[in-house]
Amino acid sequence: MNGATKRISWYLETEQKLERRPTTPPQAVQDQPTVPLEPPATSTETSPDTPHPEEASASTSGLSKNPALQTQLIEAALYVSGRPLDLKILGNVIGARSEEKIRAIAQNVAEKYRQNESPIQIVELPDGRWVMQLKATITKYVRRLSNRPLLTPGPLRTLGFIALKQPVKQAYVVLVRGKLAYGHVKQLREMDLITDEKVGKTRVLRTTSTFADYFNLNHDVIEMKKELKSVLGNTDAPSA
């Protein structure tokens, strides 16, 4: 039994004993920036928690005859993963191959959360992945409980400035944020939160989809800037 299967089994056993009231679930995508607990993974290697197809086939045989359990497994997978999951991974968990069926189950889980007026929501991202996250209206009240921030204040402010001004020349970022911004940009690039394109003697900086996913922002840059300005009080740039 792999790590993901053990955690899902624990989740299902616990849910039978108590009404599940998760506190601070994984954070993700589209509404309002939060400070995630861990840096985003950028590797293209298979996660150790992602079931191998053969292993998944052996451990999920017969699940197609138990729709209720499939629904619980979708919910559990999103809860324990801490990141957006695509339909293939969700299908491996529940023993299904039909993307239409997998999406329908995920939609049913999302609808259950909506009807219960839960502080947690399940959202389908523009790229088709699914994620469990806190609602933006709730996040601002509990974000301080995150004791392992992704970034320290300096790089975080530089990242916010880039997000608001993108596409923006690195030279301008350094002019506004100071020479320490060179180190900030290097760190942000290594974390796959920004990308750069060489133009003449400088570089043009933009945020990545990883940034949008992990800070609960819209992937559309125009909408993202509106969300950031709303959160930052309509200021044009974070203070130094």
C-alpha atoms as a PDB file:
ATOM      1  CA  MET A   1       0.000   0.000   0.000  1.00  0.00           C
ATOM      2  CA  ASN A   2       1.588   3.305  -1.076  1.00  0.00           C
ATOM      3  CA  GLY A   3       1.578   6.575   0.870  1.00  0.00           C
ATOM      4  CA  ALA A   4      -1.448   8.043  -0.881  1.00  0.00           C
ATOM      5  CA  THR A   5      -3.497   4.862  -0.437  1.00  0.00           C
ATOM      6  CA  LYS A   6      -2.687   4.743   3.293  1.00  0.00           C
ATOM      7  CA  ARG A   7      -3.728   8.348   3.812  1.00  0.00           C
ATOM      8  CA  ILE A   8      -6.936   7.857   1.824  1.00  0.00           C
ATOM      9  CA  SER A   9      -7.758   4.748   3.870  1.00  0.00           C
ATOM     10  CA  TRP A  10      -7.189   6.729   7.066  1.00  0.00           C
ATOM     11  CA  TYR A  11      -9.439   9.484   5.805  1.00  0.00           C
ATOM     12  CA  LEU A  12     -12.287   7.119   4.978  1.00  0.00           C
ATOM     13  CA  GLU A  13     -12.050   5.378   8.367  1.00  0.00           C
ATOM     14  CA  THR A  14     -12.038   8.699  10.202  1.00  0.00           C
ATOM     15  CA  GLU A  15     -15.019  10.033   8.255  1.00  0.00           C
ATOM     16  CA  GLN A  16     -17.125   7.103   9.422  1.00  0.00           C
ATOM     17  CA  LYS A  17     -16.527   8.052  13.081  1.00  0.00           C
ATOM     18  CA  LEU A  18     -16.731  11.830  13.009  1.00  0.00           C
ATOM     19  CA  GLU A  19     -18.257  14.583  10.981  1.00  0.00           C
ATOM     20  CA  ARG A  20     -15.288  15.782   9.001  1.00  0.00           C
ATOM     21  CA  ARG A  21     -14.409  19.379   9.819  1.00  0.00           C
ATOM     22  CA  PRO A  22     -11.065  20.087   8.162  1.00  0.00           C
ATOM     23  CA  THR A  23      -9.290  23.162   9.439  1.00  0.00           C
ATOM     24  CA  THR A  24      -6.723  24.464   6.997  1.00  0.00           C
ATOM     25  CA  PRO A  25      -6.783  22.327   3.840  1.00  0.00           C
ATOM     26  CA  PRO A  26      -4.368  22.638   0.944  1.00  0.00           C
ATOM     27  CA  GLN A  27      -4.445  26.008  -0.783  1.00  0.00           C
ATOM     28  CA  ALA A  28      -4.617  26.483  -4.408  1.00  0.00           C
ATOM     29  CA  VAL A  29      -6.060  28.530  -7.106  1.00  0.00           C
ATOM     30  CA  GLN A  30      -8.178  31.275  -8.406  1.00  0.00           C
ATOM     31  CA  ASP A  31      -9.600  33.819  -6.017  1.00  0.00           C
ATOM     32  CA  GLN A  32      -7.175  35.429  -3.580  1.00  0.00           C
ATOM     33  CA  PRO A  33      -3.459  35.131  -2.809  1.00  0.00           C
ATOM     34  CA  THR A  34      -2.489  33.020   0.155  1.00  0.00           C
ATOM     35  CA  VAL A  35       0.875  31.920   1.483  1.00  0.00           C
ATOM     36  CA  PRO A  36       1.230  28.180   0.842  1.00  0.00           C
ATOM     37  CA  LEU A  37       2.961  25.883   3.268  1.00  0.00           C
ATOM     38  CA  GLU A  38       5.541  24.425   0.921  1.00  0.00           C
ATOM     39  CA  PRO A  39       7.265  25.445  -2.323  1.00  0.00           C
ATOM     40  CA  PRO A  40       5.578  24.165  -5.481  1.00  0.00           C
ATOM     41  CA  ALA A  41       7.093  21.075  -7.007  1.00  0.00           C
ATOM     42  CA  THR A  42       8.568  21.788 -10.426  1.00  0.00           C
ATOM     43  CA  SER A  43       9.882  18.356 -11.299  1.00  0.00           C
ATOM     44  CA  THR A  44       8.289  16.422 -14.144  1.00  0.00           C
ATOM     45  CA  GLU A  45       9.004  13.138 -12.387  1.00  0.00           C
ATOM     46  CA  THR A  46       6.114  11.072 -11.109  1.00  0.00           C
ATOM     47  CA  SER A  47       5.205  11.941  -7.529  1.00  0.00           C
ATOM     48  CA  PRO A  48       5.756   9.105  -5.034  1.00  0.00           C
ATOM     49  CA  ASP A  49       2.099   9.532  -4.076  1.00  0.00           C
ATOM     50  CA  THR A  50       0.906   9.037  -7.661  1.00  0.00           C
ATOM     51  CA  PRO A  51      -0.194   5.413  -8.095  1.00  0.00           C
ATOM     52  CA  HIS A  52       1.597   3.398 -10.737  1.00  0.00           C
ATOM     53  CA  PRO A  53      -0.988   2.358 -13.387  1.00  0.00           C
ATOM     54  CA  GLU A  54      -0.517  -1.364 -12.699  1.00  0.00           C
ATOM     55  CA  GLU A  55      -0.651  -0.868  -8.931  1.00  0.00           C
ATOM     56  CA  ALA A  56      -3.725   1.325  -9.248  1.00  0.00           C
ATOM     57  CA  SER A  57      -5.445  -1.261 -11.433  1.00  0.00           C
ATOM     58  CA  ALA A  58      -4.832  -3.995  -8.874  1.00  0.00           C
ATOM     59  CA  SER A  59      -5.898  -1.949  -5.858  1.00  0.00           C
ATOM     60  CA  THR A  60      -9.008  -0.349  -7.385  1.00  0.00           C
ATOM     61  CA  SER A  61     -10.639  -3.355  -9.022  1.00  0.00           C
ATOM     62  CA  GLY A  62     -14.343  -3.460  -8.275  1.00  0.00           C
ATOM     63  CA  LEU A  63     -14.660   0.227  -7.426  1.00  0.00           C
ATOM     64  CA  SER A  64     -16.834   0.818 -10.482  1.00  0.00           C
ATOM     65  CA  LYS A  65     -19.591  -1.081  -8.655  1.00  0.00           C
ATOM     66  CA  ASN A  66     -19.399   1.286  -5.680  1.00  0.00           C
ATOM     67  CA  PRO A  67     -20.162   4.869  -6.836  1.00  0.00           C
ATOM     68  CA  ALA A  68     -20.446   6.129  -3.258  1.00  0.00           C
ATOM     69  CA  LEU A  69     -16.907   4.976  -2.487  1.00  0.00           C
ATOM     70  CA  GLN A  70     -15.628   6.494  -5.728  1.00  0.00           C
ATOM     71  CA  THR A  71     -17.085   9.833  -4.658  1.00  0.00           C
ATOM     72  CA  GLN A  72     -15.398   9.557  -1.261  1.00  0.00           C
ATOM     73  CA  LEU A  73     -12.089   8.657  -2.884  1.00  0.00           C
ATOM     74  CA  ILE A  74     -12.174  11.707  -5.171  1.00  0.00           C
ATOM     75  CA  GLU A  75     -12.752  13.909  -2.136  1.00  0.00           C
ATOM     76  CA  ALA A  76     -10.045  12.130  -0.139  1.00  0.00           C
ATOM     77  CA  ALA A  77      -7.512  12.332  -2.967  1.00  0.00           C
ATOM     78  CA  LEU A  78      -7.986  16.079  -3.313  1.00  0.00           C
ATOM     79  CA  TYR A  79      -7.716  16.478   0.461  1.00  0.00           C
ATOM     80  CA  VAL A  80      -4.485  14.539   0.976  1.00  0.00           C
ATOM     81  CA  SER A  81      -2.658  15.591  -2.199  1.00  0.00           C
ATOM     82  CA  GLY A  82      -2.179  19.257  -1.347  1.00  0.00           C
ATOM     83  CA  ARG A  83      -2.071  20.178  -5.034  1.00  0.00           C
ATOM     84  CA  PRO A  84      -4.263  20.210  -8.156  1.00  0.00           C
ATOM     85  CA  LEU A  85      -4.872  16.753  -9.657  1.00  0.00           C
ATOM     86  CA  ASP A  86      -5.700  15.918 -13.256  1.00  0.00           C
ATOM     87  CA  LEU A  87      -8.363  13.478 -14.384  1.00  0.00           C
ATOM     88  CA  LYS A  88      -5.836  10.726 -15.086  1.00  0.00           C
ATOM     89  CA  ILE A  89      -4.594  10.699 -11.494  1.00  0.00           C
ATOM     90  CA  LEU A  90      -8.135  10.855 -10.120  1.00  0.00           C
ATOM     91  CA  GLY A  91      -9.099   8.040 -12.467  1.00  0.00           C
ATOM     92  CA  ASN A  92      -6.253   5.882 -11.148  1.00  0.00           C
ATOM     93  CA  VAL A  93      -7.503   6.457  -7.603  1.00  0.00           C
ATOM     94  CA  ILE A  94     -11.097   5.430  -8.316  1.00  0.00           C
ATOM     95  CA  GLY A  95     -10.417   2.790 -10.966  1.00  0.00           C
ATOM     96  CA  ALA A  96     -12.048   4.645 -13.859  1.00  0.00           C
ATOM     97  CA  ARG A  97     -10.828   5.576 -17.337  1.00  0.00           C
ATOM     98  CA  SER A  98     -13.692   7.624 -18.722  1.00  0.00           C
ATOM     99  CA  GLU A  99     -12.823  11.313 -18.340  1.00  0.00           C
ATOM    100  CA  GLU A 100     -16.517  12.142 -18.617  1.00  0.00           C
ATOM    101  CA  LYS A 101     -17.323   9.874 -15.677  1.00  0.00           C
ATOM    102  CA  ILE A 102     -14.408  11.127 -13.557  1.00  0.00           C
ATOM    103  CA  ARG A 103     -15.353  14.751 -14.203  1.00  0.00           C
ATOM    104  CA  ALA A 104     -18.989  14.030 -13.331  1.00  0.00           C
ATOM    105  CA  ILE A 105     -17.972  12.539  -9.977  1.00  0.00           C
ATOM    106  CA  ALA A 106     -15.715  15.508  -9.226  1.00  0.00           C
ATOM    107  CA  GLN A 107     -18.558  17.872 -10.116  1.00  0.00           C
ATOM    108  CA  ASN A 108     -20.857  16.020  -7.706  1.00  0.00           C
ATOM    109  CA  VAL A 109     -18.317  16.419  -4.900  1.00  0.00           C
ATOM    110  CA  ALA A 110     -17.932  20.117  -5.696  1.00  0.00           C
ATOM    111  CA  GLU A 111     -21.703  20.564  -5.668  1.00  0.00           C
ATOM    112  CA  LYS A 112     -21.938  18.896  -2.250  1.00  0.00           C
ATOM    113  CA  TYR A 113     -19.541  21.476  -0.829  1.00  0.00           C
ATOM    114  CA  ARG A 114     -21.517  24.312  -2.420  1.00  0.00           C
ATOM    115  CA  GLN A 115     -24.814  23.076  -1.012  1.00  0.00           C
ATOM    116  CA  ASN A 116     -23.327  22.666   2.474  1.00  0.00           C
ATOM    117  CA  GLU A 117     -22.030  26.257   2.401  1.00  0.00           C
ATOM    118  CA  SER A 118     -18.636  24.911   3.419  1.00  0.00           C
ATOM    119  CA  PRO A 119     -15.634  27.232   3.820  1.00  0.00           C
ATOM    120  CA  ILE A 120     -13.904  24.772   1.512  1.00  0.00           C
ATOM    121  CA  GLN A 121     -14.553  24.565  -2.199  1.00  0.00           C
ATOM    122  CA  ILE A 122     -13.565  22.146  -4.944  1.00  0.00           C
ATOM    123  CA  VAL A 123     -12.727  23.900  -8.192  1.00  0.00           C
ATOM    124  CA  GLU A 124     -11.930  22.834 -11.738  1.00  0.00           C
ATOM    125  CA  LEU A 125      -8.977  24.835 -13.078  1.00  0.00           C
ATOM    126  CA  PRO A 126      -8.799  26.182 -16.632  1.00  0.00           C
ATOM    127  CA  ASP A 127      -6.389  23.363 -17.570  1.00  0.00           C
ATOM    128  CA  GLY A 128      -8.852  20.692 -16.405  1.00  0.00           C
ATOM    129  CA  ARG A 129      -7.230  19.845 -13.068  1.00  0.00           C
ATOM    130  CA  TRP A 130      -9.240  19.776  -9.843  1.00  0.00           C
ATOM    131  CA  VAL A 131      -8.246  21.212  -6.477  1.00  0.00           C
ATOM    132  CA  MET A 132      -9.605  21.548  -2.941  1.00  0.00           C
ATOM    133  CA  GLN A 133      -9.106  25.001  -1.428  1.00  0.00           C
ATOM    134  CA  LEU A 134     -10.395  27.535   1.057  1.00  0.00           C
ATOM    135  CA  LYS A 135     -12.832  30.138  -0.186  1.00  0.00           C
ATOM    136  CA  ALA A 136     -11.246  33.548  -0.674  1.00  0.00           C
ATOM    137  CA  THR A 137     -13.649  35.088   1.839  1.00  0.00           C
ATOM    138  CA  ILE A 138     -12.326  32.713   4.512  1.00  0.00           C
ATOM    139  CA  THR A 139      -8.632  32.639   3.623  1.00  0.00           C
ATOM    140  CA  LYS A 140      -7.857  36.129   4.909  1.00  0.00           C
ATOM    141  CA  TYR A 141      -8.991  35.180   8.427  1.00  0.00           C
ATOM    142  CA  VAL A 142      -6.802  32.092   8.791  1.00  0.00           C
ATOM    143  CA  ARG A 143      -3.756  32.722   6.588  1.00  0.00           C
ATOM    144  CA  ARG A 144      -1.751  33.855   9.637  1.00  0.00           C
ATOM    145  CA  LEU A 145      -1.929  30.270  10.933  1.00  0.00           C
ATOM    146  CA  SER A 146       0.422  29.185   8.170  1.00  0.00           C
ATOM    147  CA  ASN A 147       3.744  28.995  10.028  1.00  0.00           C
ATOM    148  CA  ARG A 148       5.889  27.933   7.086  1.00  0.00           C
ATOM    149  CA  PRO A 149       5.529  30.670   4.476  1.00  0.00           C
ATOM    150  CA  LEU A 150       6.641  30.044   0.936  1.00  0.00           C
ATOM    151  CA  LEU A 151       8.639  33.285   0.810  1.00  0.00           C
ATOM    152  CA  THR A 152      10.150  35.800   3.180  1.00  0.00           C
ATOM    153  CA  PRO A 153       8.777  39.369   2.984  1.00  0.00           C
ATOM    154  CA  GLY A 154      11.420  40.757   0.593  1.00  0.00           C
ATOM    155  CA  PRO A 155      11.028  38.238  -2.243  1.00  0.00           C
ATOM    156  CA  LEU A 156       7.266  38.167  -1.639  1.00  0.00           C
ATOM    157  CA  ARG A 157       6.989  41.924  -2.195  1.00  0.00           C
ATOM    158  CA  THR A 158       9.141  41.691  -5.313  1.00  0.00           C
ATOM    159  CA  LEU A 159       6.900  38.903  -6.580  1.00  0.00           C
ATOM    160  CA  GLY A 160       3.813  41.016  -5.906  1.00  0.00           C
ATOM    161  CA  PHE A 161       5.354  43.935  -7.791  1.00  0.00           C
ATOM    162  CA  ILE A 162       6.158  41.729 -10.789  1.00  0.00           C
ATOM    163  CA  ALA A 163       2.635  40.293 -10.773  1.00  0.00           C
ATOM    164  CA  LEU A 164       1.078  43.774 -10.757  1.00  0.00           C
ATOM    165  CA  LYS A 165       3.363  45.230 -13.426  1.00  0.00           C
ATOM    166  CA  GLN A 166       3.868  42.244 -15.727  1.00  0.00           C
ATOM    167  CA  PRO A 167       5.178  42.074 -18.314  1.00  0.00           C
ATOM    168  CA  VAL A 168       7.887  44.175 -16.669  1.00  0.00           C
ATOM    169  CA  LYS A 169      11.582  44.676 -17.363  1.00  0.00           C
ATOM    170  CA  GLN A 170      13.941  43.333 -14.733  1.00  0.00           C
ATOM    171  CA  ALA A 171      15.822  46.646 -14.805  1.00  0.00           C
ATOM    172  CA  TYR A 172      12.655  48.457 -13.715  1.00  0.00           C
ATOM    173  CA  VAL A 173      12.024  45.931 -10.945  1.00  0.00           C
ATOM    174  CA  VAL A 174      15.548  46.520  -9.622  1.00  0.00           C
ATOM    175  CA  LEU A 175      15.107  50.296  -9.916  1.00  0.00           C
ATOM    176  CA  VAL A 176      11.978  50.194  -7.752  1.00  0.00           C
ATOM    177  CA  ARG A 177      12.802  47.332  -5.398  1.00  0.00           C
ATOM    178  CA  GLY A 178      16.555  47.859  -5.054  1.00  0.00           C
ATOM    179  CA  LYS A 179      19.603  45.742  -5.879  1.00  0.00           C
ATOM    180  CA  LEU A 180      18.416  42.923  -3.630  1.00  0.00           C
ATOM    181  CA  ALA A 181      15.767  42.307  -6.286  1.00  0.00           C
ATOM    182  CA  TYR A 182      18.391  40.515  -8.408  1.00  0.00           C
ATOM    183  CA  GLY A 183      18.548  37.799  -5.767  1.00  0.00           C
ATOM    184  CA  HIS A 184      14.777  37.817  -5.385  1.00  0.00           C
ATOM    185  CA  VAL A 185      14.300  37.322  -9.133  1.00  0.00           C
ATOM    186  CA  LYS A 186      16.771  34.426  -9.151  1.00  0.00           C
ATOM    187  CA  GLN A 187      14.949  32.757  -6.257  1.00  0.00           C
ATOM    188  CA  LEU A 188      11.517  33.281  -7.805  1.00  0.00           C
ATOM    189  CA  ARG A 189      12.694  31.892 -11.133  1.00  0.00           C
ATOM    190  CA  GLU A 190      14.165  28.788  -9.482  1.00  0.00           C
ATOM    191  CA  MET A 191      10.829  28.225  -7.730  1.00  0.00           C
ATOM    192  CA  ASP A 192       9.010  28.459 -11.073  1.00  0.00           C
ATOM    193  CA  LEU A 193       6.955  31.411  -9.816  1.00  0.00           C
ATOM    194  CA  ILE A 194       8.182  33.715 -12.581  1.00  0.00           C
ATOM    195  CA  THR A 195       9.643  33.339 -16.036  1.00  0.00           C
ATOM    196  CA  ASP A 196      11.977  35.675 -17.882  1.00  0.00           C
ATOM    197  CA  GLU A 197      12.642  36.459 -21.525  1.00  0.00           C
ATOM    198  CA  LYS A 198      15.789  38.234 -22.657  1.00  0.00           C
ATOM    199  CA  VAL A 199      15.040  41.440 -24.547  1.00  0.00           C
ATOM    200  CA  GLY A 200      18.091  43.474 -25.478  1.00  0.00           C
ATOM    201  CA  LYS A 201      20.244  44.047 -22.414  1.00  0.00           C
ATOM    202  CA  THR A 202      17.514  43.310 -19.910  1.00  0.00           C
ATOM    203  CA  ARG A 203      14.935  40.630 -19.228  1.00  0.00           C
ATOM    204  CA  VAL A 204      11.154  40.793 -19.239  1.00  0.00           C
ATOM    205  CA  LEU A 205       9.522  39.111 -16.257  1.00  0.00           C
ATOM    206  CA  ARG A 206       6.113  37.448 -15.981  1.00  0.00           C
ATOM    207  CA  THR A 207       4.428  35.197 -13.435  1.00  0.00           C
ATOM    208  CA  THR A 208       3.768  31.543 -14.223  1.00  0.00           C
ATOM    209  CA  SER A 209       0.764  29.262 -13.926  1.00  0.00           C
ATOM    210  CA  THR A 210       2.457  27.819 -10.841  1.00  0.00           C
ATOM    211  CA  PHE A 211       2.243  31.265  -9.244  1.00  0.00           C
ATOM    212  CA  ALA A 212      -1.471  31.507 -10.038  1.00  0.00           C
ATOM    213  CA  ASP A 213      -2.165  28.025  -8.662  1.00  0.00           C
ATOM    214  CA  TYR A 214      -0.310  28.463  -5.401  1.00  0.00           C
ATOM    215  CA  PHE A 215      -1.527  31.960  -4.615  1.00  0.00           C
ATOM    216  CA  ASN A 216      -5.203  31.412  -5.427  1.00  0.00           C
ATOM    217  CA  LEU A 217      -5.261  33.771  -8.410  1.00  0.00           C
ATOM    218  CA  ASN A 218      -6.975  33.792 -11.770  1.00  0.00           C
ATOM    219  CA  HIS A 219      -4.756  32.578 -14.614  1.00  0.00           C
ATOM    220  CA  ASP A 220      -5.888  35.475 -16.781  1.00  0.00           C
ATOM    221  CA  VAL A 221      -3.367  38.286 -16.179  1.00  0.00           C
ATOM    222  CA  ILE A 222      -5.946  41.084 -16.369  1.00  0.00           C
ATOM    223  CA  GLU A 223      -8.209  39.389 -13.821  1.00  0.00           C
ATOM    224  CA  MET A 224      -5.191  38.491 -11.701  1.00  0.00           C
ATOM    225  CA  LYS A 225      -4.165  42.145 -11.461  1.00  0.00           C
ATOM    226  CA  LYS A 226      -7.689  43.117 -10.401  1.00  0.00           C
ATOM    227  CA  GLU A 227      -7.605  40.512  -7.634  1.00  0.00           C
ATOM    228  CA  LEU A 228      -4.184  41.658  -6.450  1.00  0.00           C
ATOM    229  CA  LYS A 229      -5.211  45.311  -6.376  1.00  0.00           C
ATOM    230  CA  SER A 230      -8.288  44.373  -4.382  1.00  0.00           C
ATOM    231  CA  VAL A 231      -6.205  42.469  -1.842  1.00  0.00           C
ATOM    232  CA  LEU A 232      -3.493  45.142  -1.646  1.00  0.00           C
ATOM    233  CA  GLY A 233      -5.940  48.014  -1.320  1.00  0.00           C
ATOM    234  CA  ASN A 234      -5.674  49.293  -4.886  1.00  0.00           C
ATOM    235  CA  THR A 235      -2.026  50.177  -4.464  1.00  0.00           C
ATOM    236  CA  ASP A 236       0.116  50.095  -7.583  1.00  0.00           C
ATOM    237  CA  ALA A 237       3.058  48.357  -5.968  1.00  0.00           C
ATOM    238  CA  PRO A 238       3.982  46.677  -2.703  1.00  0.00           C
ATOM    239  CA  SER A 239       6.113  48.835  -0.441  1.00  0.00           C
ATOM    240  CA  ALA A 240       9.822  48.138  -0.187  1.00  0.00           C
END
